[in-house]
Amino acid sequence: MKTLLSVLLVTVLLGNANNLEPKISLNAAEQEYLRTKKEITMCVDPDWEPFEVIDKNGDHVGIAADLIQLAAKRAGLNIKLIRTTTWEETLKLSKSK
């Protein structure tokens, strides 16, 4: 199931690279939210290769990391990684906002 989801995300976000618009269109409410928010924080699964991992340098790398970077660039988002060491820690931080 996770593999299928990843394939679908890649297909939707990447599609035919020659025909993609460089930006993601956001409605007025979404644009206002991002103007006031300034930065989006996220936690990830730090050890879920090849989808995502926090490497020895503390960088988020892998398939999910590439997709998140692409979406952030196209939407003009500033995303800050909150580094965690386990999936359980990620879930705990995510639930506590």
C-alpha atoms as a PDB file:
ATOM      1  CA  MET A   1       0.000   0.000   0.000  1.00  0.00           C
ATOM      2  CA  LYS A   2       2.786   2.456   0.893  1.00  0.00           C
ATOM      3  CA  THR A   3       4.536   1.628  -2.385  1.00  0.00           C
ATOM      4  CA  LEU A   4       1.356   2.299  -4.362  1.00  0.00           C
ATOM      5  CA  LEU A   5       0.862   5.602  -2.576  1.00  0.00           C
ATOM      6  CA  SER A   6       4.434   6.609  -3.368  1.00  0.00           C
ATOM      7  CA  VAL A   7       4.029   5.724  -7.036  1.00  0.00           C
ATOM      8  CA  LEU A   8       0.826   7.761  -7.212  1.00  0.00           C
ATOM      9  CA  LEU A   9       2.496  10.751  -5.552  1.00  0.00           C
ATOM     10  CA  VAL A  10       5.389  10.614  -7.987  1.00  0.00           C
ATOM     11  CA  THR A  11       2.998  10.361 -10.922  1.00  0.00           C
ATOM     12  CA  VAL A  12       0.835  13.262  -9.755  1.00  0.00           C
ATOM     13  CA  LEU A  13       3.659  15.582  -8.727  1.00  0.00           C
ATOM     14  CA  LEU A  14       6.123  14.792 -11.481  1.00  0.00           C
ATOM     15  CA  GLY A  15       3.879  13.778 -14.353  1.00  0.00           C
ATOM     16  CA  ASN A  16       5.478  14.674 -17.641  1.00  0.00           C
ATOM     17  CA  ALA A  17       8.275  16.998 -16.506  1.00  0.00           C
ATOM     18  CA  ASN A  18       8.145  18.915 -19.792  1.00  0.00           C
ATOM     19  CA  ASN A  19       4.488  19.877 -19.391  1.00  0.00           C
ATOM     20  CA  LEU A  20       4.260  20.918 -15.728  1.00  0.00           C
ATOM     21  CA  GLU A  21       3.481  24.408 -14.608  1.00  0.00           C
ATOM     22  CA  PRO A  22       6.272  25.745 -12.391  1.00  0.00           C
ATOM     23  CA  LYS A  23       3.887  26.834  -9.619  1.00  0.00           C
ATOM     24  CA  ILE A  24       1.017  25.336  -7.676  1.00  0.00           C
ATOM     25  CA  SER A  25      -2.085  27.512  -7.726  1.00  0.00           C
ATOM     26  CA  LEU A  26      -3.438  28.415  -4.311  1.00  0.00           C
ATOM     27  CA  ASN A  27      -6.759  30.089  -3.574  1.00  0.00           C
ATOM     28  CA  ALA A  28      -6.928  33.396  -1.687  1.00  0.00           C
ATOM     29  CA  ALA A  29      -7.535  31.773   1.713  1.00  0.00           C
ATOM     30  CA  GLU A  30      -4.563  29.428   1.263  1.00  0.00           C
ATOM     31  CA  GLN A  31      -2.327  32.299   0.173  1.00  0.00           C
ATOM     32  CA  GLU A  32      -3.370  34.378   3.193  1.00  0.00           C
ATOM     33  CA  TYR A  33      -2.737  31.465   5.541  1.00  0.00           C
ATOM     34  CA  LEU A  34       0.787  31.054   4.184  1.00  0.00           C
ATOM     35  CA  ARG A  35       1.468  34.804   4.368  1.00  0.00           C
ATOM     36  CA  THR A  36       0.614  34.820   8.055  1.00  0.00           C
ATOM     37  CA  LYS A  37       2.153  31.406   8.831  1.00  0.00           C
ATOM     38  CA  LYS A  38       5.562  32.255   7.272  1.00  0.00           C
ATOM     39  CA  GLU A  39       6.871  28.715   7.875  1.00  0.00           C
ATOM     40  CA  ILE A  40       5.434  25.201   7.857  1.00  0.00           C
ATOM     41  CA  THR A  41       7.013  22.687  10.220  1.00  0.00           C
ATOM     42  CA  MET A  42       7.047  18.961   9.631  1.00  0.00           C
ATOM     43  CA  CYS A  43       8.299  15.754  11.165  1.00  0.00           C
ATOM     44  CA  VAL A  44       9.094  12.700   9.099  1.00  0.00           C
ATOM     45  CA  ASP A  45       9.844   9.039   9.592  1.00  0.00           C
ATOM     46  CA  PRO A  46      13.588   9.256  10.259  1.00  0.00           C
ATOM     47  CA  ASP A  47      14.272   5.677   9.135  1.00  0.00           C
ATOM     48  CA  TRP A  48      12.035   4.573   6.252  1.00  0.00           C
ATOM     49  CA  GLU A  49      14.394   4.011   3.348  1.00  0.00           C
ATOM     50  CA  PRO A  50      14.138   4.528   0.432  1.00  0.00           C
ATOM     51  CA  PHE A  51      11.113   6.744   1.023  1.00  0.00           C
ATOM     52  CA  GLU A  52      12.660   9.014   3.615  1.00  0.00           C
ATOM     53  CA  VAL A  53      15.399   9.086   6.186  1.00  0.00           C
ATOM     54  CA  ILE A  54      17.225  11.669   8.236  1.00  0.00           C
ATOM     55  CA  ASP A  55      20.827  11.047   7.233  1.00  0.00           C
ATOM     56  CA  LYS A  56      23.976  11.331   9.348  1.00  0.00           C
ATOM     57  CA  ASN A  57      24.172  15.056   8.474  1.00  0.00           C
ATOM     58  CA  GLY A  58      20.635  15.649   9.764  1.00  0.00           C
ATOM     59  CA  ASP A  59      19.211  16.129   6.259  1.00  0.00           C
ATOM     60  CA  HIS A  60      15.868  14.741   5.122  1.00  0.00           C
ATOM     61  CA  VAL A  61      16.581  12.614   2.041  1.00  0.00           C
ATOM     62  CA  GLY A  62      14.755  10.040  -0.046  1.00  0.00           C
ATOM     63  CA  ILE A  63      11.744   9.839  -2.339  1.00  0.00           C
ATOM     64  CA  ALA A  64       9.373  11.660   0.039  1.00  0.00           C
ATOM     65  CA  ALA A  65      11.978  14.355   0.701  1.00  0.00           C
ATOM     66  CA  ASP A  66      12.334  14.983  -3.045  1.00  0.00           C
ATOM     67  CA  LEU A  67       8.555  15.216  -3.488  1.00  0.00           C
ATOM     68  CA  ILE A  68       8.171  17.562  -0.524  1.00  0.00           C
ATOM     69  CA  GLN A  69      10.947  19.821  -1.851  1.00  0.00           C
ATOM     70  CA  LEU A  70       9.317  19.883  -5.291  1.00  0.00           C
ATOM     71  CA  ALA A  71       5.864  20.708  -3.907  1.00  0.00           C
ATOM     72  CA  ALA A  72       7.316  23.360  -1.564  1.00  0.00           C
ATOM     73  CA  LYS A  73       9.166  25.024  -4.418  1.00  0.00           C
ATOM     74  CA  ARG A  74       6.119  25.039  -6.691  1.00  0.00           C
ATOM     75  CA  ALA A  75       3.844  26.376  -3.947  1.00  0.00           C
ATOM     76  CA  GLY A  76       6.393  28.865  -2.613  1.00  0.00           C
ATOM     77  CA  LEU A  77       6.439  27.228   0.829  1.00  0.00           C
ATOM     78  CA  ASN A  78       9.091  27.506   3.495  1.00  0.00           C
ATOM     79  CA  ILE A  79       9.152  24.108   5.212  1.00  0.00           C
ATOM     80  CA  LYS A  80      11.250  23.533   8.318  1.00  0.00           C
ATOM     81  CA  LEU A  81      12.158  19.988   9.328  1.00  0.00           C
ATOM     82  CA  ILE A  82      11.771  19.122  12.990  1.00  0.00           C
ATOM     83  CA  ARG A  83      14.308  16.323  13.361  1.00  0.00           C
ATOM     84  CA  THR A  84      13.307  13.206  15.265  1.00  0.00           C
ATOM     85  CA  THR A  85      15.102   9.949  15.946  1.00  0.00           C
ATOM     86  CA  THR A  86      12.166   7.505  15.854  1.00  0.00           C
ATOM     87  CA  TRP A  87       8.756   7.180  14.210  1.00  0.00           C
ATOM     88  CA  GLU A  88       7.185   7.161  17.677  1.00  0.00           C
ATOM     89  CA  GLU A  89       8.816  10.524  18.461  1.00  0.00           C
ATOM     90  CA  THR A  90       7.514  11.881  15.152  1.00  0.00           C
ATOM     91  CA  LEU A  91       3.970  10.783  15.998  1.00  0.00           C
ATOM     92  CA  LYS A  92       4.188  12.276  19.492  1.00  0.00           C
ATOM     93  CA  LEU A  93       5.414  15.644  18.200  1.00  0.00           C
ATOM     94  CA  SER A  94       2.867  15.670  15.372  1.00  0.00           C
ATOM     95  CA  LYS A  95       0.005  15.018  17.787  1.00  0.00           C
ATOM     96  CA  SER A  96       1.186  17.779  20.116  1.00  0.00           C
ATOM     97  CA  LYS A  97       1.462  20.196  17.180  1.00  0.00           C
END
